[in-house]
């Protein structure tokens, strides 16, 4: 009623989208809603709106004629919900910020944790009667992440950025006295709704995690040992230890990539890999039991090697990486 912004910070999977749709239904008469979300979930927002709130009218703000979605939007009271990606919010900020929205929602709001980015600045300029930020991780690195989200929700509540850093972030980084954290929690608590899975889903069994150990073949283990020795000699020279953290991290990454597949470090290595072999054995077991699986890798070039093996065995799959177009 006061028009104050709120942060919905429930754990992932507890229905933040559904809760926000319920709110938008109650605010239809306040004007059109704007939902800003990562490109990968914009279509999901439109689909969930049609499914759970069919009286709302989702409009995806995409394509060359996207400005059509904004035609006469400001005076709309029919429940239109404009869904836009963070990239297009930044690109079309002037157009989107010229409209007074009944409700503005930032999904995955941790994407504006850095207040200096163009994305965050565009979000700050939005004009709305009610602002909602949805994020399962309101603080990812340090309390400074929270300042940017609350600058969108309730500008001025946490003071100026420099003062916030001095009062809360730096004392927390130094450790010791917990007073800054307690004080910050007291300030933001009225504007945050946070539920954890363990609090609201006691009837469900815990997630089963199975660690599947994979051991390198004798030849790969020897090659790994030689690579590790070569890296050690590079970082610990006769002149002393190198202090470049970036270089150390780069070499650790090489070791990790070797463990995925030797070819990621040595292009002339054999095509066999202990990890891919273990993966293929799991794939066969999953297929026999008609299961579906979601497979992640930090390295896209490793996934290309995995796909080669799946193609060779005529295993069908869907593939997605950062280069996949939204359509």
Protein backbone atom coordinates (compact mmCIF):
# COMPACT_ATOMS: atom_id res chain seq x y z
CA UNK A 1 0.00 0.00 0.00
CA UNK A 2 2.90 2.35 0.66
CA UNK A 3 4.53 1.50 -2.65
CA UNK A 4 7.70 0.24 -0.97
CA UNK A 5 9.79 -2.28 -2.88
CA UNK A 6 10.27 -5.85 -1.69
CA UNK A 7 12.81 -8.59 -2.28
CA UNK A 8 11.47 -12.12 -2.72
CA UNK A 9 14.51 -14.21 -1.81
CA UNK A 10 13.14 -17.74 -1.51
CA UNK A 11 15.35 -20.68 -2.35
CA UNK A 12 15.30 -21.79 -5.98
CA UNK A 13 12.30 -23.99 -6.77
CA UNK A 14 9.89 -22.67 -4.14
CA UNK A 15 7.68 -20.81 -6.60
CA UNK A 16 8.89 -17.20 -6.78
CA UNK A 17 7.39 -16.86 -10.26
CA UNK A 18 4.00 -18.11 -9.06
CA UNK A 19 4.00 -15.73 -6.09
CA UNK A 20 4.82 -12.77 -8.30
CA UNK A 21 2.07 -13.71 -10.76
CA UNK A 22 -0.38 -13.74 -7.84
CA UNK A 23 0.78 -10.24 -6.92
CA UNK A 24 0.42 -9.02 -10.52
CA UNK A 25 -3.15 -10.32 -10.58
CA UNK A 26 -4.02 -8.16 -7.57
CA UNK A 27 -2.37 -5.11 -9.17
CA UNK A 28 -4.00 -5.21 -12.60
CA UNK A 29 -5.82 -1.92 -11.97
CA UNK A 30 -2.54 -0.21 -11.08
CA UNK A 31 -1.34 -0.38 -14.69
CA UNK A 32 0.79 -2.63 -16.87
CA UNK A 33 3.58 -4.75 -15.40
CA UNK A 34 7.16 -5.03 -16.58
CA UNK A 35 9.12 -8.22 -15.89
CA UNK A 36 12.87 -8.10 -16.53
CA UNK A 37 14.51 -11.52 -16.70
CA UNK A 38 17.51 -13.30 -18.23
CA UNK A 39 16.96 -14.07 -21.91
CA UNK A 40 16.88 -17.81 -21.20
CA UNK A 41 13.80 -17.57 -18.94
CA UNK A 42 11.76 -14.87 -20.71
CA UNK A 43 9.79 -17.45 -22.68
CA UNK A 44 9.22 -19.43 -19.49
CA UNK A 45 7.69 -16.31 -17.89
CA UNK A 46 5.24 -16.02 -20.80
CA UNK A 47 4.39 -19.72 -20.58
CA UNK A 48 3.90 -19.68 -16.79
CA UNK A 49 1.73 -16.55 -17.04
CA UNK A 50 -0.60 -18.23 -19.54
CA UNK A 51 -0.73 -21.35 -17.39
CA UNK A 52 -1.26 -19.92 -13.91
CA UNK A 53 -2.74 -16.46 -14.57
CA UNK A 54 -4.67 -16.74 -17.85
CA UNK A 55 -6.40 -13.40 -17.26
CA UNK A 56 -3.03 -11.65 -17.62
CA UNK A 57 -1.72 -10.89 -21.12
CA UNK A 58 2.02 -11.67 -21.51
CA UNK A 59 3.85 -9.71 -24.21
CA UNK A 60 7.42 -10.73 -25.02
CA UNK A 61 9.47 -7.64 -25.85
CA UNK A 62 11.66 -9.06 -28.66
CA UNK A 63 12.37 -8.65 -32.34
CA UNK A 64 12.61 -5.70 -34.67
CA UNK A 65 8.99 -4.65 -34.09
CA UNK A 66 9.17 -4.91 -30.30
CA UNK A 67 8.12 -1.27 -29.90
CA UNK A 68 4.62 -2.37 -30.97
CA UNK A 69 4.24 -4.10 -27.59
CA UNK A 70 4.50 -0.69 -25.90
CA UNK A 71 1.85 1.04 -27.99
CA UNK A 72 -0.71 2.66 -25.65
CA UNK A 73 0.66 0.49 -22.85
CA UNK A 74 0.84 3.12 -20.13
CA UNK A 75 -2.93 3.55 -19.82
CA UNK A 76 -3.63 -0.17 -20.04
CA UNK A 77 -5.67 -1.76 -17.24
CA UNK A 78 -6.33 -5.11 -18.88
CA UNK A 79 -3.46 -6.99 -17.20
CA UNK A 80 -0.71 -6.72 -19.77
CA UNK A 81 2.70 -8.02 -18.65
CA UNK A 82 5.66 -6.93 -20.79
CA UNK A 83 8.53 -9.41 -20.50
CA UNK A 84 11.97 -8.07 -21.44
CA UNK A 85 15.51 -9.39 -21.18
CA UNK A 86 18.19 -7.54 -19.24
CA UNK A 87 20.06 -7.00 -22.51
CA UNK A 88 17.10 -5.23 -24.12
CA UNK A 89 16.37 -3.26 -20.93
CA UNK A 90 19.86 -1.84 -21.23
CA UNK A 91 19.58 -1.29 -24.99
CA UNK A 92 16.09 0.28 -24.91
CA UNK A 93 16.33 1.97 -21.51
CA UNK A 94 15.13 5.35 -22.78
CA UNK A 95 11.95 3.86 -24.22
CA UNK A 96 11.17 1.57 -21.27
CA UNK A 97 12.00 4.14 -18.60
CA UNK A 98 9.67 6.71 -20.18
CA UNK A 99 6.65 4.60 -19.16
CA UNK A 100 5.14 4.54 -15.69
CA UNK A 101 4.63 0.86 -14.88
CA UNK A 102 2.12 -0.34 -12.34
CA UNK A 103 4.63 -2.96 -11.20
CA UNK A 104 8.27 -3.57 -12.17
CA UNK A 105 9.82 -6.95 -11.43
CA UNK A 106 13.48 -7.95 -11.68
CA UNK A 107 13.84 -11.72 -11.87
CA UNK A 108 17.29 -13.09 -10.97
CA UNK A 109 17.94 -9.66 -9.49
CA UNK A 110 21.50 -10.59 -8.52
CA UNK A 111 22.32 -9.64 -12.11
CA UNK A 112 22.28 -5.98 -11.02
CA UNK A 113 24.52 -6.57 -7.98
CA UNK A 114 27.15 -4.27 -9.50
CA UNK A 115 25.55 -0.81 -9.35
CA UNK A 116 28.08 0.63 -11.80
CA UNK A 117 26.99 -1.49 -14.76
CA UNK A 118 24.79 -0.08 -17.53
CA UNK A 119 22.31 -2.87 -16.80
CA UNK A 120 21.91 -1.78 -13.17
CA UNK A 121 21.69 1.90 -14.08
CA UNK A 122 18.90 1.15 -16.55
CA UNK A 123 17.00 -0.75 -13.84
CA UNK A 124 17.39 2.16 -11.40
CA UNK A 125 15.72 4.50 -13.92
CA UNK A 126 12.52 2.44 -14.22
CA UNK A 127 9.40 4.25 -12.97
CA UNK A 128 6.89 2.02 -11.21
CA UNK A 129 4.24 2.11 -8.52
CA UNK A 130 5.64 -1.11 -7.02
CA UNK A 131 9.07 -2.69 -7.38
CA UNK A 132 9.87 -6.34 -6.78
CA UNK A 133 13.25 -8.07 -6.92
CA UNK A 134 13.30 -11.88 -7.06
CA UNK A 135 16.56 -13.65 -6.29
CA UNK A 136 17.47 -16.81 -4.46
CA UNK A 137 20.91 -15.32 -3.78
CA UNK A 138 20.48 -11.69 -2.64
CA UNK A 139 24.11 -11.75 -1.44
CA UNK A 140 26.57 -13.64 -3.65
CA UNK A 141 29.96 -12.19 -2.77
CA UNK A 142 29.57 -9.60 -0.02
CA UNK A 143 27.04 -7.18 1.44
CA UNK A 144 27.78 -4.76 -1.38
CA UNK A 145 25.58 -6.90 -3.66
CA UNK A 146 22.61 -6.04 -1.46
CA UNK A 147 23.08 -2.28 -1.83
CA UNK A 148 22.43 -2.32 -5.57
CA UNK A 149 19.27 -4.45 -5.27
CA UNK A 150 17.89 -2.17 -2.55
CA UNK A 151 18.82 0.93 -4.51
CA UNK A 152 16.40 -0.39 -7.13
CA UNK A 153 13.74 -1.33 -4.57
CA UNK A 154 13.88 1.58 -2.11
CA UNK A 155 16.43 4.23 -3.10
CA UNK A 156 18.06 5.85 -0.08
CA UNK A 157 17.13 3.15 2.43
CA UNK A 158 20.75 1.96 2.75
CA UNK A 159 22.26 5.40 2.26
CA UNK A 160 24.89 6.32 -0.29
CA UNK A 161 27.06 3.55 -1.72
CA UNK A 162 30.28 4.90 -0.18
CA UNK A 163 28.68 5.16 3.28
CA UNK A 164 27.25 1.65 2.96
CA UNK A 165 30.69 0.27 2.12
CA UNK A 166 32.19 2.04 5.12
CA UNK A 167 29.48 1.00 7.59
CA UNK A 168 28.79 -2.58 6.55
CA UNK A 169 30.99 -4.09 3.85
CA UNK A 170 34.48 -3.26 5.12
CA UNK A 171 33.78 -4.19 8.78
CA UNK A 172 32.31 -7.50 7.59
CA UNK A 173 35.37 -8.20 5.44
CA UNK A 174 37.65 -7.55 8.40
CA UNK A 175 35.61 -10.00 10.51
CA UNK A 176 35.27 -9.87 14.27
CA UNK A 177 32.38 -7.79 15.52
CA UNK A 178 29.03 -9.05 14.18
CA UNK A 179 27.21 -5.78 14.93
CA UNK A 180 27.27 -4.45 11.32
CA UNK A 181 25.65 -7.65 10.05
CA UNK A 182 22.98 -7.59 12.76
CA UNK A 183 22.25 -3.93 12.09
CA UNK A 184 22.00 -4.50 8.33
CA UNK A 185 19.66 -7.44 8.83
CA UNK A 186 17.42 -5.29 11.02
CA UNK A 187 17.25 -2.57 8.36
CA UNK A 188 16.41 -4.83 5.39
CA UNK A 189 14.31 -7.49 7.12
CA UNK A 190 10.93 -5.74 6.66
CA UNK A 191 11.48 -5.74 2.90
CA UNK A 192 12.71 -9.33 2.43
CA UNK A 193 10.71 -12.54 2.26
CA UNK A 194 13.02 -15.53 2.40
CA UNK A 195 12.00 -19.14 2.77
CA UNK A 196 14.41 -22.07 2.68
CA UNK A 197 13.56 -25.49 1.31
CA UNK A 198 14.31 -27.14 4.64
CA UNK A 199 11.68 -24.91 6.27
CA UNK A 200 8.79 -25.49 3.88
CA UNK A 201 9.32 -28.93 2.38
CA UNK A 202 9.80 -31.25 5.36
CA UNK A 203 7.59 -33.90 3.75
CA UNK A 204 10.00 -34.42 0.85
CA UNK A 205 13.03 -36.69 1.20
CA UNK A 206 16.43 -34.99 1.04
CA UNK A 207 18.19 -34.74 -2.29
CA UNK A 208 20.29 -37.84 -2.95
CA UNK A 209 23.83 -36.95 -3.94
CA UNK A 210 26.06 -39.69 -5.30
CA UNK A 211 29.72 -38.96 -5.85
CA UNK A 212 31.02 -41.01 -8.74
CA UNK A 213 34.81 -41.30 -8.50
CA UNK A 214 36.68 -41.59 -11.79
CA UNK A 215 40.32 -42.65 -11.83
CA UNK A 216 42.75 -41.77 -14.59
CA UNK A 217 44.23 -44.58 -16.63
CA UNK A 218 47.88 -45.42 -15.81
CA UNK A 219 49.09 -43.59 -18.94
CA UNK A 220 47.00 -40.49 -18.21
CA UNK A 221 48.01 -40.53 -14.55
CA UNK A 222 51.67 -40.46 -15.63
CA UNK A 223 51.01 -37.65 -18.10
CA UNK A 224 49.16 -35.71 -15.41
CA UNK A 225 52.10 -36.10 -13.03
CA UNK A 226 54.47 -34.78 -15.71
CA UNK A 227 52.17 -31.83 -16.41
CA UNK A 228 51.94 -31.06 -12.71
CA UNK A 229 55.72 -31.19 -12.37
CA UNK A 230 56.16 -28.89 -15.37
CA UNK A 231 53.73 -26.39 -13.85
CA UNK A 232 55.50 -26.57 -10.49
CA UNK A 233 58.86 -25.81 -12.10
CA UNK A 234 57.27 -22.91 -13.98
CA UNK A 235 55.78 -21.34 -10.85
CA UNK A 236 58.67 -22.08 -8.49
CA UNK A 237 61.76 -20.92 -10.33
CA UNK A 238 65.33 -20.62 -9.07
CA UNK A 239 64.54 -16.94 -8.43
CA UNK A 240 61.73 -17.83 -6.03
CA UNK A 241 57.97 -18.32 -6.10
CA UNK A 242 55.91 -16.39 -8.64
CA UNK A 243 53.27 -14.21 -7.02
CA UNK A 244 50.90 -13.86 -9.97
CA UNK A 245 47.57 -15.23 -8.72
CA UNK A 246 46.17 -15.11 -12.26
CA UNK A 247 48.99 -17.33 -13.53
CA UNK A 248 48.51 -19.79 -10.67
CA UNK A 249 44.75 -20.00 -11.35
CA UNK A 250 45.42 -20.49 -15.07
CA UNK A 251 47.70 -23.44 -14.37
CA UNK A 252 45.19 -24.98 -11.92
CA UNK A 253 42.59 -24.69 -14.68
CA UNK A 254 44.90 -26.60 -17.04
CA UNK A 255 45.10 -29.43 -14.52
CA UNK A 256 41.33 -29.48 -14.13
CA UNK A 257 40.82 -29.54 -17.90
CA UNK A 258 43.28 -32.42 -18.24
CA UNK A 259 41.18 -34.39 -15.73
CA UNK A 260 38.15 -33.87 -17.98
CA UNK A 261 39.99 -34.98 -21.10
CA UNK A 262 43.73 -34.99 -21.94
CA UNK A 263 42.90 -33.51 -25.36
CA UNK A 264 41.84 -30.25 -23.72
CA UNK A 265 45.50 -29.70 -22.83
CA UNK A 266 47.33 -31.90 -25.35
CA UNK A 267 45.49 -31.86 -28.72
CA UNK A 268 47.47 -34.88 -29.92
CA UNK A 269 46.34 -37.09 -27.03
CA UNK A 270 44.25 -40.23 -27.56
CA UNK A 271 40.51 -39.84 -27.96
CA UNK A 272 39.85 -42.03 -24.93
CA UNK A 273 39.08 -40.40 -21.59
CA UNK A 274 38.33 -42.04 -18.25
CA UNK A 275 35.70 -39.42 -17.47
CA UNK A 276 33.87 -39.78 -20.79
CA UNK A 277 33.99 -43.55 -20.50
CA UNK A 278 32.43 -43.38 -17.01
CA UNK A 279 29.84 -40.93 -18.34
CA UNK A 280 28.87 -43.23 -21.22
CA UNK A 281 28.40 -46.14 -18.82
CA UNK A 282 26.04 -43.97 -16.75
CA UNK A 283 24.19 -42.91 -19.91
CA UNK A 284 23.50 -46.53 -20.84
CA UNK A 285 22.21 -47.26 -17.34
CA UNK A 286 19.96 -44.19 -17.41
CA UNK A 287 18.57 -45.07 -20.84
CA UNK A 288 17.82 -48.65 -19.83
CA UNK A 289 15.70 -47.29 -16.97
CA UNK A 290 14.12 -44.59 -19.18
CA UNK A 291 15.48 -41.70 -17.12
CA UNK A 292 16.21 -38.19 -18.29
CA UNK A 293 19.41 -36.45 -17.26
CA UNK A 294 20.74 -32.91 -17.22
CA UNK A 295 24.48 -32.81 -17.91
CA UNK A 296 26.63 -29.80 -17.11
CA UNK A 297 30.23 -28.94 -17.86
CA UNK A 298 32.16 -25.79 -17.17
CA UNK A 299 34.01 -26.24 -20.46
CA UNK A 300 32.14 -25.99 -23.76
CA UNK A 301 34.97 -27.66 -25.68
CA UNK A 302 34.69 -30.66 -23.36
CA UNK A 303 30.98 -30.91 -24.19
CA UNK A 304 31.91 -31.04 -27.88
CA UNK A 305 34.00 -34.16 -27.17
CA UNK A 306 31.09 -35.65 -25.22
CA UNK A 307 28.74 -34.96 -28.11
CA UNK A 308 31.07 -36.76 -30.53
CA UNK A 309 30.79 -39.89 -28.43
CA UNK A 310 27.00 -39.60 -28.13
CA UNK A 311 26.66 -39.09 -31.88
CA UNK A 312 28.85 -42.14 -32.51
CA UNK A 313 26.52 -44.23 -30.32
CA UNK A 314 23.39 -42.60 -31.82
CA UNK A 315 22.24 -41.31 -28.46
CA UNK A 316 19.78 -38.45 -28.97
CA UNK A 317 20.14 -35.31 -26.87
CA UNK A 318 19.31 -31.61 -26.68
CA UNK A 319 22.23 -29.20 -26.53
CA UNK A 320 22.43 -25.66 -25.16
CA UNK A 321 25.28 -23.23 -24.63
CA UNK A 322 25.80 -19.47 -24.63
CA UNK A 323 25.81 -19.30 -28.45
CA UNK A 324 22.32 -20.81 -28.80
CA UNK A 325 19.88 -18.16 -30.14
CA UNK A 326 16.82 -17.42 -28.03
CA UNK A 327 14.47 -18.73 -30.71
